[in-house]
C-alpha cells in the first residue's frame, strides 16, 4: 500500500528547481513518484508517493539539500 503526501516548498523559480527537488526526493528510500506544481514567487506544491510514510525530517532535509524550503504538509 502506498502513501501520498503533498508538501509546500518555497524558493523554486524554474524547471531546474523542479528537477533538483525531484532528484533529491526520489533518492529517499521507498519513494516511487514525485510531482511538482511550480508556482514562481510563491509556494510550489510537491506530491510524493512512497511505499510507506516518510519521516518529515527526511523530506525537509532532502528539500533543503536541493536548496529550497519546506513550508508544510497540505
N, C-alpha and C. Protein backbone atom coordinates (compact mmCIF):
# COMPACT_ATOMS: atom_id res chain seq x y z
N UNK A 1 0.85 -1.18 0.00
CA UNK A 1 0.00 0.00 0.00
C UNK A 1 0.89 1.24 0.00
N UNK A 2 0.60 2.18 -0.88
CA UNK A 2 1.43 3.38 -0.97
C UNK A 2 0.81 4.53 -0.20
N UNK A 3 1.66 5.51 0.08
CA UNK A 3 1.27 6.72 0.79
C UNK A 3 1.55 7.90 -0.11
N UNK A 4 0.62 8.84 -0.19
CA UNK A 4 0.83 10.05 -0.97
C UNK A 4 0.62 11.26 -0.07
N UNK A 5 1.61 12.13 -0.02
CA UNK A 5 1.51 13.36 0.75
C UNK A 5 1.88 14.53 -0.14
N UNK A 6 1.29 15.68 0.16
CA UNK A 6 1.56 16.90 -0.58
C UNK A 6 2.23 17.89 0.36
N UNK A 7 3.31 18.50 -0.14
CA UNK A 7 4.10 19.44 0.64
C UNK A 7 4.14 20.79 -0.06
N UNK A 8 4.35 21.85 0.70
CA UNK A 8 4.59 23.18 0.16
C UNK A 8 6.08 23.45 0.19
N UNK A 9 6.61 23.98 -0.90
CA UNK A 9 8.04 24.30 -1.00
C UNK A 9 8.18 25.70 -1.58
N UNK A 10 9.01 26.53 -0.93
CA UNK A 10 9.25 27.88 -1.43
C UNK A 10 10.65 28.00 -2.02
N UNK A 11 10.80 29.03 -2.87
CA UNK A 11 12.11 29.33 -3.45
C UNK A 11 12.33 28.78 -4.84
N UNK A 12 11.40 28.00 -5.34
CA UNK A 12 11.56 27.40 -6.67
C UNK A 12 11.11 28.40 -7.74
N UNK A 13 11.93 28.53 -8.82
CA UNK A 13 11.62 29.52 -9.85
C UNK A 13 11.61 28.98 -11.28
N UNK A 14 12.09 27.74 -11.48
CA UNK A 14 12.22 27.25 -12.86
C UNK A 14 12.24 25.71 -12.89
N UNK A 15 12.35 25.18 -14.09
CA UNK A 15 12.38 23.72 -14.25
C UNK A 15 13.63 23.09 -13.64
N UNK A 16 14.72 23.83 -13.59
CA UNK A 16 15.93 23.33 -12.92
C UNK A 16 15.63 23.10 -11.44
N UNK A 17 14.88 24.01 -10.83
CA UNK A 17 14.49 23.86 -9.43
C UNK A 17 13.63 22.61 -9.25
N UNK A 18 12.70 22.42 -10.16
CA UNK A 18 11.82 21.24 -10.11
C UNK A 18 12.66 19.97 -10.17
N UNK A 19 13.63 19.92 -11.08
CA UNK A 19 14.47 18.74 -11.23
C UNK A 19 15.31 18.50 -9.98
N UNK A 20 15.85 19.56 -9.39
CA UNK A 20 16.67 19.41 -8.19
C UNK A 20 15.86 18.81 -7.03
N UNK A 21 14.66 19.33 -6.81
CA UNK A 21 13.81 18.82 -5.74
C UNK A 21 13.37 17.38 -6.04
N UNK A 22 12.99 17.14 -7.28
CA UNK A 22 12.56 15.79 -7.68
C UNK A 22 13.68 14.78 -7.48
N UNK A 23 14.89 15.13 -7.89
CA UNK A 23 16.02 14.22 -7.74
C UNK A 23 16.31 13.89 -6.28
N UNK A 24 16.31 14.90 -5.42
CA UNK A 24 16.59 14.68 -4.00
C UNK A 24 15.51 13.83 -3.34
N UNK A 25 14.25 14.11 -3.65
CA UNK A 25 13.16 13.34 -3.03
C UNK A 25 13.11 11.91 -3.57
N UNK A 26 13.36 11.75 -4.85
CA UNK A 26 13.35 10.41 -5.45
C UNK A 26 14.44 9.53 -4.85
N UNK A 27 15.51 10.13 -4.37
CA UNK A 27 16.61 9.38 -3.76
C UNK A 27 16.26 8.82 -2.38
N UNK A 28 15.18 9.30 -1.77
CA UNK A 28 14.78 8.76 -0.47
C UNK A 28 14.26 7.33 -0.62
N UNK A 29 14.60 6.45 0.31
CA UNK A 29 14.15 5.06 0.23
C UNK A 29 12.62 4.97 0.20
N UNK A 30 12.11 4.21 -0.75
CA UNK A 30 10.68 3.95 -0.84
C UNK A 30 9.89 4.92 -1.68
N UNK A 31 10.51 6.03 -2.12
CA UNK A 31 9.78 7.00 -2.94
C UNK A 31 9.61 6.44 -4.34
N UNK A 32 8.35 6.44 -4.80
CA UNK A 32 8.04 5.89 -6.12
C UNK A 32 7.77 6.96 -7.16
N UNK A 33 7.27 8.13 -6.72
CA UNK A 33 6.93 9.18 -7.68
C UNK A 33 6.95 10.53 -6.98
N UNK A 34 7.36 11.55 -7.72
CA UNK A 34 7.36 12.92 -7.24
C UNK A 34 6.77 13.79 -8.35
N UNK A 35 5.80 14.60 -7.99
CA UNK A 35 5.21 15.54 -8.94
C UNK A 35 5.26 16.94 -8.36
N UNK A 36 5.60 17.92 -9.20
CA UNK A 36 5.74 19.29 -8.73
C UNK A 36 4.85 20.21 -9.56
N UNK A 37 4.06 21.04 -8.87
CA UNK A 37 3.30 22.10 -9.50
C UNK A 37 4.03 23.39 -9.15
N UNK A 38 4.83 23.89 -10.09
CA UNK A 38 5.69 25.05 -9.87
C UNK A 38 4.88 26.33 -9.79
N UNK A 39 5.09 27.09 -8.72
CA UNK A 39 4.49 28.41 -8.55
C UNK A 39 5.64 29.39 -8.35
N UNK A 40 6.00 30.09 -9.41
CA UNK A 40 7.12 31.02 -9.35
C UNK A 40 6.77 32.18 -8.41
N UNK A 41 7.64 32.42 -7.44
CA UNK A 41 7.43 33.51 -6.50
C UNK A 41 6.45 33.18 -5.38
N UNK A 42 6.04 31.92 -5.31
CA UNK A 42 5.09 31.52 -4.27
C UNK A 42 5.44 30.16 -3.71
N UNK A 43 4.43 29.48 -3.24
CA UNK A 43 4.63 28.15 -2.67
C UNK A 43 4.25 27.09 -3.69
N UNK A 44 5.25 26.34 -4.14
CA UNK A 44 5.01 25.26 -5.08
C UNK A 44 4.46 24.04 -4.34
N UNK A 45 3.66 23.26 -5.03
CA UNK A 45 3.08 22.05 -4.46
C UNK A 45 3.89 20.85 -4.94
N UNK A 46 4.34 20.04 -3.98
CA UNK A 46 5.13 18.85 -4.30
C UNK A 46 4.40 17.64 -3.75
N UNK A 47 4.03 16.71 -4.62
CA UNK A 47 3.33 15.49 -4.22
C UNK A 47 4.31 14.32 -4.27
N UNK A 48 4.40 13.60 -3.15
CA UNK A 48 5.34 12.49 -3.05
C UNK A 48 4.56 11.20 -2.78
N UNK A 49 4.77 10.20 -3.62
CA UNK A 49 4.16 8.89 -3.43
C UNK A 49 5.27 7.94 -2.99
N UNK A 50 5.05 7.27 -1.87
CA UNK A 50 6.07 6.37 -1.34
C UNK A 50 5.44 5.06 -0.88
N UNK A 51 6.29 4.06 -0.71
CA UNK A 51 5.82 2.75 -0.27
C UNK A 51 5.31 2.77 1.17
N UNK A 52 5.84 3.67 1.98
CA UNK A 52 5.46 3.80 3.39
C UNK A 52 5.58 5.27 3.76
N UNK A 53 4.97 5.69 4.86
CA UNK A 53 5.11 7.09 5.27
C UNK A 53 6.58 7.48 5.44
N UNK A 54 6.89 8.70 5.03
CA UNK A 54 8.25 9.22 5.15
C UNK A 54 8.36 10.09 6.40
N UNK A 55 9.51 10.07 7.02
CA UNK A 55 9.75 10.97 8.15
C UNK A 55 9.79 12.40 7.63
N UNK A 56 9.09 13.29 8.32
CA UNK A 56 9.08 14.69 7.91
C UNK A 56 10.47 15.29 7.83
N UNK A 57 11.34 14.87 8.74
CA UNK A 57 12.70 15.40 8.74
C UNK A 57 13.47 14.96 7.50
N UNK A 58 13.20 13.76 7.00
CA UNK A 58 13.87 13.28 5.79
C UNK A 58 13.44 14.10 4.58
N UNK A 59 12.15 14.41 4.50
CA UNK A 59 11.64 15.22 3.40
C UNK A 59 12.21 16.63 3.49
N UNK A 60 12.18 17.22 4.68
CA UNK A 60 12.72 18.57 4.89
C UNK A 60 14.21 18.62 4.50
N UNK A 61 14.97 17.63 4.94
CA UNK A 61 16.40 17.60 4.62
C UNK A 61 16.65 17.45 3.13
N UNK A 62 15.85 16.64 2.45
CA UNK A 62 16.02 16.44 1.00
C UNK A 62 15.72 17.74 0.25
N UNK A 63 14.66 18.42 0.65
CA UNK A 63 14.30 19.69 0.01
C UNK A 63 15.39 20.73 0.27
N UNK A 64 15.90 20.77 1.51
CA UNK A 64 16.97 21.71 1.86
C UNK A 64 18.24 21.40 1.08
N UNK A 65 18.54 20.12 0.88
CA UNK A 65 19.73 19.72 0.11
C UNK A 65 19.63 20.24 -1.32
N UNK A 66 18.41 20.31 -1.84
CA UNK A 66 18.20 20.83 -3.19
C UNK A 66 18.30 22.36 -3.22
N UNK A 67 18.24 22.99 -2.03
CA UNK A 67 18.39 24.43 -1.95
C UNK A 67 17.11 25.20 -1.71
N UNK A 68 16.06 24.50 -1.23
CA UNK A 68 14.76 25.14 -1.07
C UNK A 68 14.21 24.90 0.32
N UNK A 69 13.04 25.47 0.62
CA UNK A 69 12.49 25.40 1.97
C UNK A 69 11.14 24.71 1.98
N UNK A 70 11.03 23.70 2.82
CA UNK A 70 9.76 23.01 3.04
C UNK A 70 8.95 23.86 4.00
N UNK A 71 7.72 24.22 3.63
CA UNK A 71 6.92 25.09 4.47
C UNK A 71 5.71 24.39 5.08
N UNK A 72 5.52 23.13 4.75
CA UNK A 72 4.42 22.43 5.39
C UNK A 72 3.85 21.31 4.54
N UNK A 73 2.97 20.57 5.18
CA UNK A 73 2.26 19.48 4.52
C UNK A 73 0.83 19.93 4.33
N UNK A 74 0.27 19.65 3.16
CA UNK A 74 -1.13 20.03 2.91
C UNK A 74 -1.99 18.81 2.72
